[in-house]
Amino acid sequence: LYLQALDLRKRLQGDNHHHVANSLNNLALLYKFTGRYNEAKPLFEQALAICEQTLGVGHPNTMTIRGNYAIFLREIYR
């Protein structure tokens, strides 16, 4: 379902919309929780880049995704 939502949002809103970033973040979290770390990392990075570009570094959505990515990195590199 996350993949379908991501595909639909990309088609309707374009690849660099902040809603696409939210879908990427959600899919990355799913991959993280299921141990698919190699697949999660680039999704977090892409989501963060989109939010920083479209919303700015201080936007709450950007900060949430940055926090999720930071937690992910701490967990996989300890």
PDB file of N, CA and C in Angstrom:
ATOM      1  N   LEU A   1       0.815  -1.200   0.000  1.00  0.00           N
ATOM      2  CA  LEU A   1       0.000   0.000   0.000  1.00  0.00           C
ATOM      3  C   LEU A   1       0.860   1.267   0.000  1.00  0.00           C
ATOM      4  N   TYR A   2       1.974   1.228   0.745  1.00  0.00           N
ATOM      5  CA  TYR A   2       2.870   2.388   0.742  1.00  0.00           C
ATOM      6  C   TYR A   2       3.443   2.639  -0.653  1.00  0.00           C
ATOM      7  N   LEU A   3       3.797   1.574  -1.342  1.00  0.00           N
ATOM      8  CA  LEU A   3       4.321   1.724  -2.705  1.00  0.00           C
ATOM      9  C   LEU A   3       3.261   2.293  -3.644  1.00  0.00           C
ATOM     10  N   GLN A   4       2.030   1.841  -3.490  1.00  0.00           N
ATOM     11  CA  GLN A   4       0.947   2.358  -4.320  1.00  0.00           C
ATOM     12  C   GLN A   4       0.698   3.842  -4.033  1.00  0.00           C
ATOM     13  N   ALA A   5       0.708   4.202  -2.758  1.00  0.00           N
ATOM     14  CA  ALA A   5       0.514   5.608  -2.383  1.00  0.00           C
ATOM     15  C   ALA A   5       1.639   6.477  -2.944  1.00  0.00           C
ATOM     16  N   LEU A   6       2.871   5.983  -2.849  1.00  0.00           N
ATOM     17  CA  LEU A   6       4.011   6.726  -3.382  1.00  0.00           C
ATOM     18  C   LEU A   6       3.867   6.926  -4.888  1.00  0.00           C
ATOM     19  N   ASP A   7       3.536   5.876  -5.593  1.00  0.00           N
ATOM     20  CA  ASP A   7       3.371   5.965  -7.045  1.00  0.00           C
ATOM     21  C   ASP A   7       2.265   6.948  -7.420  1.00  0.00           C
ATOM     22  N   LEU A   8       1.156   6.874  -6.728  1.00  0.00           N
ATOM     23  CA  LEU A   8       0.032   7.758  -7.011  1.00  0.00           C
ATOM     24  C   LEU A   8       0.397   9.217  -6.739  1.00  0.00           C
ATOM     25  N   ARG A   9       1.049   9.469  -5.625  1.00  0.00           N
ATOM     26  CA  ARG A   9       1.440  10.842  -5.305  1.00  0.00           C
ATOM     27  C   ARG A   9       2.440  11.386  -6.333  1.00  0.00           C
ATOM     28  N   LYS A  10       3.377  10.557  -6.762  1.00  0.00           N
ATOM     29  CA  LYS A  10       4.335  11.010  -7.777  1.00  0.00           C
ATOM     30  C   LYS A  10       3.628  11.371  -9.076  1.00  0.00           C
ATOM     31  N   ARG A  11       2.666  10.544  -9.468  1.00  0.00           N
ATOM     32  CA  ARG A  11       1.955  10.811 -10.716  1.00  0.00           C
ATOM     33  C   ARG A  11       1.083  12.058 -10.620  1.00  0.00           C
ATOM     34  N   LEU A  12       0.457  12.274  -9.472  1.00  0.00           N
ATOM     35  CA  LEU A  12      -0.462  13.399  -9.324  1.00  0.00           C
ATOM     36  C   LEU A  12       0.230  14.712  -8.962  1.00  0.00           C
ATOM     37  N   GLN A  13       1.322  14.623  -8.176  1.00  0.00           N
ATOM     38  CA  GLN A  13       1.922  15.838  -7.639  1.00  0.00           C
ATOM     39  C   GLN A  13       3.356  16.084  -8.096  1.00  0.00           C
ATOM     40  N   GLY A  14       3.940  15.140  -8.793  1.00  0.00           N
ATOM     41  CA  GLY A  14       5.321  15.292  -9.237  1.00  0.00           C
ATOM     42  C   GLY A  14       6.290  14.688  -8.237  1.00  0.00           C
ATOM     43  N   ASP A  15       7.483  14.415  -8.708  1.00  0.00           N
ATOM     44  CA  ASP A  15       8.477  13.706  -7.899  1.00  0.00           C
ATOM     45  C   ASP A  15       9.000  14.499  -6.706  1.00  0.00           C
ATOM     46  N   ASN A  16       8.892  15.822  -6.750  1.00  0.00           N
ATOM     47  CA  ASN A  16       9.506  16.644  -5.709  1.00  0.00           C
ATOM     48  C   ASN A  16       8.502  17.368  -4.828  1.00  0.00           C
ATOM     49  N   HIS A  17       7.347  16.814  -4.655  1.00  0.00           N
ATOM     50  CA  HIS A  17       6.323  17.412  -3.793  1.00  0.00           C
ATOM     51  C   HIS A  17       6.520  16.911  -2.361  1.00  0.00           C
ATOM     52  N   HIS A  18       6.208  17.761  -1.397  1.00  0.00           N
ATOM     53  CA  HIS A  18       6.423  17.355  -0.006  1.00  0.00           C
ATOM     54  C   HIS A  18       5.526  16.189   0.414  1.00  0.00           C
ATOM     55  N   HIS A  19       4.410  15.980  -0.248  1.00  0.00           N
ATOM     56  CA  HIS A  19       3.601  14.796   0.052  1.00  0.00           C
ATOM     57  C   HIS A  19       4.309  13.521  -0.425  1.00  0.00           C
ATOM     58  N   VAL A  20       5.048  13.623  -1.502  1.00  0.00           N
ATOM     59  CA  VAL A  20       5.869  12.495  -1.955  1.00  0.00           C
ATOM     60  C   VAL A  20       6.927  12.193  -0.894  1.00  0.00           C
ATOM     61  N   ALA A  21       7.512  13.237  -0.328  1.00  0.00           N
ATOM     62  CA  ALA A  21       8.502  13.054   0.742  1.00  0.00           C
ATOM     63  C   ALA A  21       7.881  12.322   1.932  1.00  0.00           C
ATOM     64  N   ASN A  22       6.648  12.651   2.281  1.00  0.00           N
ATOM     65  CA  ASN A  22       5.984  11.955   3.383  1.00  0.00           C
ATOM     66  C   ASN A  22       5.795  10.476   3.070  1.00  0.00           C
ATOM     67  N   SER A  23       5.422  10.174   1.834  1.00  0.00           N
ATOM     68  CA  SER A  23       5.270   8.773   1.438  1.00  0.00           C
ATOM     69  C   SER A  23       6.608   8.047   1.467  1.00  0.00           C
ATOM     70  N   LEU A  24       7.665   8.710   1.018  1.00  0.00           N
ATOM     71  CA  LEU A  24       8.999   8.102   1.081  1.00  0.00           C
ATOM     72  C   LEU A  24       9.408   7.832   2.522  1.00  0.00           C
ATOM     73  N   ASN A  25       9.133   8.785   3.406  1.00  0.00           N
ATOM     74  CA  ASN A  25       9.445   8.621   4.818  1.00  0.00           C
ATOM     75  C   ASN A  25       8.682   7.431   5.409  1.00  0.00           C
ATOM     76  N   ASN A  26       7.399   7.329   5.100  1.00  0.00           N
ATOM     77  CA  ASN A  26       6.593   6.228   5.624  1.00  0.00           C
ATOM     78  C   ASN A  26       7.108   4.875   5.136  1.00  0.00           C
ATOM     79  N   LEU A  27       7.458   4.809   3.866  1.00  0.00           N
ATOM     80  CA  LEU A  27       7.988   3.564   3.321  1.00  0.00           C
ATOM     81  C   LEU A  27       9.343   3.244   3.945  1.00  0.00           C
ATOM     82  N   ALA A  28      10.170   4.259   4.143  1.00  0.00           N
ATOM     83  CA  ALA A  28      11.469   4.053   4.793  1.00  0.00           C
ATOM     84  C   ALA A  28      11.290   3.523   6.209  1.00  0.00           C
ATOM     85  N   LEU A  29      10.321   4.063   6.930  1.00  0.00           N
ATOM     86  CA  LEU A  29      10.070   3.566   8.292  1.00  0.00           C
ATOM     87  C   LEU A  29       9.623   2.103   8.268  1.00  0.00           C
ATOM     88  N   LEU A  30       8.772   1.758   7.326  1.00  0.00           N
ATOM     89  CA  LEU A  30       8.348   0.359   7.197  1.00  0.00           C
ATOM     90  C   LEU A  30       9.556  -0.533   6.941  1.00  0.00           C
ATOM     91  N   TYR A  31      10.414  -0.126   6.016  1.00  0.00           N
ATOM     92  CA  TYR A  31      11.611  -0.912   5.719  1.00  0.00           C
ATOM     93  C   TYR A  31      12.523  -1.004   6.946  1.00  0.00           C
ATOM     94  N   LYS A  32      12.654   0.087   7.673  1.00  0.00           N
ATOM     95  CA  LYS A  32      13.475   0.073   8.893  1.00  0.00           C
ATOM     96  C   LYS A  32      12.935  -0.952   9.882  1.00  0.00           C
ATOM     97  N   PHE A  33      11.637  -0.900  10.141  1.00  0.00           N
ATOM     98  CA  PHE A  33      11.039  -1.786  11.138  1.00  0.00           C
ATOM     99  C   PHE A  33      11.037  -3.249  10.711  1.00  0.00           C
ATOM    100  N   THR A  34      11.205  -3.505   9.418  1.00  0.00           N
ATOM    101  CA  THR A  34      11.242  -4.885   8.934  1.00  0.00           C
ATOM    102  C   THR A  34      12.669  -5.333   8.603  1.00  0.00           C
ATOM    103  N   GLY A  35      13.653  -4.520   8.993  1.00  0.00           N
ATOM    104  CA  GLY A  35      15.049  -4.897   8.827  1.00  0.00           C
ATOM    105  C   GLY A  35      15.602  -4.718   7.431  1.00  0.00           C
ATOM    106  N   ARG A  36      14.931  -3.981   6.591  1.00  0.00           N
ATOM    107  CA  ARG A  36      15.381  -3.765   5.209  1.00  0.00           C
ATOM    108  C   ARG A  36      16.141  -2.435   5.132  1.00  0.00           C
ATOM    109  N   TYR A  37      17.251  -2.375   5.866  1.00  0.00           N
ATOM    110  CA  TYR A  37      17.991  -1.129   6.071  1.00  0.00           C
ATOM    111  C   TYR A  37      18.575  -0.561   4.777  1.00  0.00           C
ATOM    112  N   ASN A  38      19.062  -1.412   3.903  1.00  0.00           N
ATOM    113  CA  ASN A  38      19.643  -0.929   2.642  1.00  0.00           C
ATOM    114  C   ASN A  38      18.612  -0.261   1.753  1.00  0.00           C
ATOM    115  N   GLU A  39      17.369  -0.657   1.908  1.00  0.00           N
ATOM    116  CA  GLU A  39      16.301  -0.037   1.131  1.00  0.00           C
ATOM    117  C   GLU A  39      15.772   1.220   1.819  1.00  0.00           C
ATOM    118  N   ALA A  40      15.842   1.259   3.129  1.00  0.00           N
ATOM    119  CA  ALA A  40      15.318   2.398   3.888  1.00  0.00           C
ATOM    120  C   ALA A  40      16.194   3.638   3.748  1.00  0.00           C
ATOM    121  N   LYS A  41      17.499   3.464   3.799  1.00  0.00           N
ATOM    122  CA  LYS A  41      18.421   4.602   3.843  1.00  0.00           C
ATOM    123  C   LYS A  41      18.237   5.564   2.666  1.00  0.00           C
ATOM    124  N   PRO A  42      18.241   5.115   1.417  1.00  0.00           N
ATOM    125  CA  PRO A  42      18.072   6.076   0.318  1.00  0.00           C
ATOM    126  C   PRO A  42      16.698   6.749   0.308  1.00  0.00           C
ATOM    127  N   LEU A  43      15.694   6.080   0.845  1.00  0.00           N
ATOM    128  CA  LEU A  43      14.365   6.691   0.894  1.00  0.00           C
ATOM    129  C   LEU A  43      14.339   7.834   1.908  1.00  0.00           C
ATOM    130  N   PHE A  44      14.958   7.613   3.076  1.00  0.00           N
ATOM    131  CA  PHE A  44      15.068   8.701   4.051  1.00  0.00           C
ATOM    132  C   PHE A  44      15.826   9.879   3.443  1.00  0.00           C
ATOM    133  N   GLU A  45      16.925   9.593   2.765  1.00  0.00           N
ATOM    134  CA  GLU A  45      17.739  10.651   2.173  1.00  0.00           C
ATOM    135  C   GLU A  45      16.959  11.439   1.121  1.00  0.00           C
ATOM    136  N   GLN A  46      16.225  10.739   0.293  1.00  0.00           N
ATOM    137  CA  GLN A  46      15.433  11.399  -0.748  1.00  0.00           C
ATOM    138  C   GLN A  46      14.314  12.232  -0.123  1.00  0.00           C
ATOM    139  N   ALA A  47      13.638  11.679   0.872  1.00  0.00           N
ATOM    140  CA  ALA A  47      12.558  12.408   1.547  1.00  0.00           C
ATOM    141  C   ALA A  47      13.088  13.682   2.191  1.00  0.00           C
ATOM    142  N   LEU A  48      14.228  13.583   2.853  1.00  0.00           N
ATOM    143  CA  LEU A  48      14.813  14.744   3.507  1.00  0.00           C
ATOM    144  C   LEU A  48      15.213  15.802   2.482  1.00  0.00           C
ATOM    145  N   ALA A  49      15.811  15.393   1.389  1.00  0.00           N
ATOM    146  CA  ALA A  49      16.223  16.342   0.354  1.00  0.00           C
ATOM    147  C   ALA A  49      15.017  17.076  -0.231  1.00  0.00           C
ATOM    148  N   ILE A  50      13.934  16.353  -0.474  1.00  0.00           N
ATOM    149  CA  ILE A  50      12.726  16.978  -1.034  1.00  0.00           C
ATOM    150  C   ILE A  50      12.164  18.001  -0.052  1.00  0.00           C
ATOM    151  N   CYS A  51      12.062  17.624   1.208  1.00  0.00           N
ATOM    152  CA  CYS A  51      11.495  18.550   2.201  1.00  0.00           C
ATOM    153  C   CYS A  51      12.376  19.778   2.388  1.00  0.00           C
ATOM    154  N   GLU A  52      13.678  19.572   2.451  1.00  0.00           N
ATOM    155  CA  GLU A  52      14.563  20.725   2.611  1.00  0.00           C
ATOM    156  C   GLU A  52      14.430  21.682   1.430  1.00  0.00           C
ATOM    157  N   GLN A  53      14.274  21.130   0.243  1.00  0.00           N
ATOM    158  CA  GLN A  53      14.161  21.953  -0.962  1.00  0.00           C
ATOM    159  C   GLN A  53      12.805  22.645  -1.050  1.00  0.00           C
ATOM    160  N   THR A  54      11.734  21.942  -0.728  1.00  0.00           N
ATOM    161  CA  THR A  54      10.397  22.501  -0.944  1.00  0.00           C
ATOM    162  C   THR A  54       9.840  23.234   0.271  1.00  0.00           C
ATOM    163  N   LEU A  55      10.179  22.784   1.472  1.00  0.00           N
ATOM    164  CA  LEU A  55       9.607  23.378   2.675  1.00  0.00           C
ATOM    165  C   LEU A  55      10.602  24.191   3.483  1.00  0.00           C
ATOM    166  N   GLY A  56      11.887  23.885   3.317  1.00  0.00           N
ATOM    167  CA  GLY A  56      12.918  24.553   4.098  1.00  0.00           C
ATOM    168  C   GLY A  56      13.387  23.689   5.264  1.00  0.00           C
ATOM    169  N   VAL A  57      14.565  23.997   5.765  1.00  0.00           N
ATOM    170  CA  VAL A  57      15.183  23.156   6.799  1.00  0.00           C
ATOM    171  C   VAL A  57      14.487  23.260   8.146  1.00  0.00           C
ATOM    172  N   GLY A  58      13.789  24.358   8.405  1.00  0.00           N
ATOM    173  CA  GLY A  58      13.157  24.531   9.702  1.00  0.00           C
ATOM    174  C   GLY A  58      11.693  24.143   9.768  1.00  0.00           C
ATOM    175  N   HIS A  59      11.140  23.673   8.665  1.00  0.00           N
ATOM    176  CA  HIS A  59       9.727  23.281   8.639  1.00  0.00           C
ATOM    177  C   HIS A  59       9.514  22.043   9.511  1.00  0.00           C
ATOM    178  N   PRO A  60       8.390  21.962  10.219  1.00  0.00           N
ATOM    179  CA  PRO A  60       8.126  20.796  11.079  1.00  0.00           C
ATOM    180  C   PRO A  60       8.191  19.452  10.355  1.00  0.00           C
ATOM    181  N   ASN A  61       7.693  19.382   9.125  1.00  0.00           N
ATOM    182  CA  ASN A  61       7.762  18.113   8.384  1.00  0.00           C
ATOM    183  C   ASN A  61       9.212  17.738   8.083  1.00  0.00           C
ATOM    184  N   THR A  62      10.007  18.722   7.716  1.00  0.00           N
ATOM    185  CA  THR A  62      11.423  18.476   7.448  1.00  0.00           C
ATOM    186  C   THR A  62      12.118  17.994   8.713  1.00  0.00           C
ATOM    187  N   MET A  63      11.813  18.630   9.813  1.00  0.00           N
ATOM    188  CA  MET A  63      12.438  18.260  11.083  1.00  0.00           C
ATOM    189  C   MET A  63      12.029  16.854  11.519  1.00  0.00           C
ATOM    190  N   THR A  64      10.801  16.481  11.262  1.00  0.00           N
ATOM    191  CA  THR A  64      10.335  15.129  11.594  1.00  0.00           C
ATOM    192  C   THR A  64      11.091  14.088  10.786  1.00  0.00           C
ATOM    193  N   ILE A  65      11.208  14.323   9.493  1.00  0.00           N
ATOM    194  CA  ILE A  65      11.922  13.371   8.636  1.00  0.00           C
ATOM    195  C   ILE A  65      13.393  13.318   9.016  1.00  0.00           C
ATOM    196  N   ARG A  66      13.999  14.472   9.301  1.00  0.00           N
ATOM    197  CA  ARG A  66      15.402  14.499   9.731  1.00  0.00           C
ATOM    198  C   ARG A  66      15.568  13.707  11.028  1.00  0.00           C
ATOM    199  N   GLY A  67      14.625  13.854  11.941  1.00  0.00           N
ATOM    200  CA  GLY A  67      14.674  13.099  13.198  1.00  0.00           C
ATOM    201  C   GLY A  67      14.539  11.603  12.982  1.00  0.00           C
ATOM    202  N   ASN A  68      13.618  11.208  12.112  1.00  0.00           N
ATOM    203  CA  ASN A  68      13.454   9.781  11.803  1.00  0.00           C
ATOM    204  C   ASN A  68      14.728   9.205  11.199  1.00  0.00           C
ATOM    205  N   TYR A  69      15.339   9.989  10.309  1.00  0.00           N
ATOM    206  CA  TYR A  69      16.580   9.538   9.664  1.00  0.00           C
ATOM    207  C   TYR A  69      17.715   9.450  10.682  1.00  0.00           C
ATOM    208  N   ALA A  70      17.799  10.413  11.580  1.00  0.00           N
ATOM    209  CA  ALA A  70      18.847  10.394  12.608  1.00  0.00           C
ATOM    210  C   ALA A  70      18.696   9.187  13.527  1.00  0.00           C
ATOM    211  N   ILE A  71      17.487   8.882  13.921  1.00  0.00           N
ATOM    212  CA  ILE A  71      17.241   7.700  14.763  1.00  0.00           C
ATOM    213  C   ILE A  71      17.643   6.439  14.008  1.00  0.00           C
ATOM    214  N   PHE A  72      17.271   6.379  12.758  1.00  0.00           N
ATOM    215  CA  PHE A  72      17.634   5.237  11.914  1.00  0.00           C
ATOM    216  C   PHE A  72      19.149   5.060  11.870  1.00  0.00           C
ATOM    217  N   LEU A  73      19.872   6.149  11.610  1.00  0.00           N
ATOM    218  CA  LEU A  73      21.331   6.060  11.520  1.00  0.00           C
ATOM    219  C   LEU A  73      21.946   5.633  12.840  1.00  0.00           C
ATOM    220  N   ARG A  74      21.448   6.164  13.946  1.00  0.00           N
ATOM    221  CA  ARG A  74      21.979   5.765  15.264  1.00  0.00           C
ATOM    222  C   ARG A  74      21.761   4.267  15.490  1.00  0.00           C
ATOM    223  N   GLU A  75      20.599   3.784  15.102  1.00  0.00           N
ATOM    224  CA  GLU A  75      20.287   2.362  15.328  1.00  0.00           C
ATOM    225  C   GLU A  75      21.135   1.432  14.465  1.00  0.00           C
ATOM    226  N   ILE A  76      21.373   1.801  13.227  1.00  0.00           N
ATOM    227  CA  ILE A  76      22.106   0.865  12.363  1.00  0.00           C
ATOM    228  C   ILE A  76      23.621   0.959  12.521  1.00  0.00           C
ATOM    229  N   TYR A  77      24.117   2.083  13.061  1.00  0.00           N
ATOM    230  CA  TYR A  77      25.573   2.245  13.175  1.00  0.00           C
ATOM    231  C   TYR A  77      26.077   2.145  14.605  1.00  0.00           C
ATOM    232  N   ARG A  78      25.298   1.604  15.516  1.00  0.00           N
ATOM    233  CA  ARG A  78      25.827   1.434  16.874  1.00  0.00           C
ATOM    234  C   ARG A  78      26.534   0.139  17.035  1.00  0.00           C
TER     235      ARG A  78
END
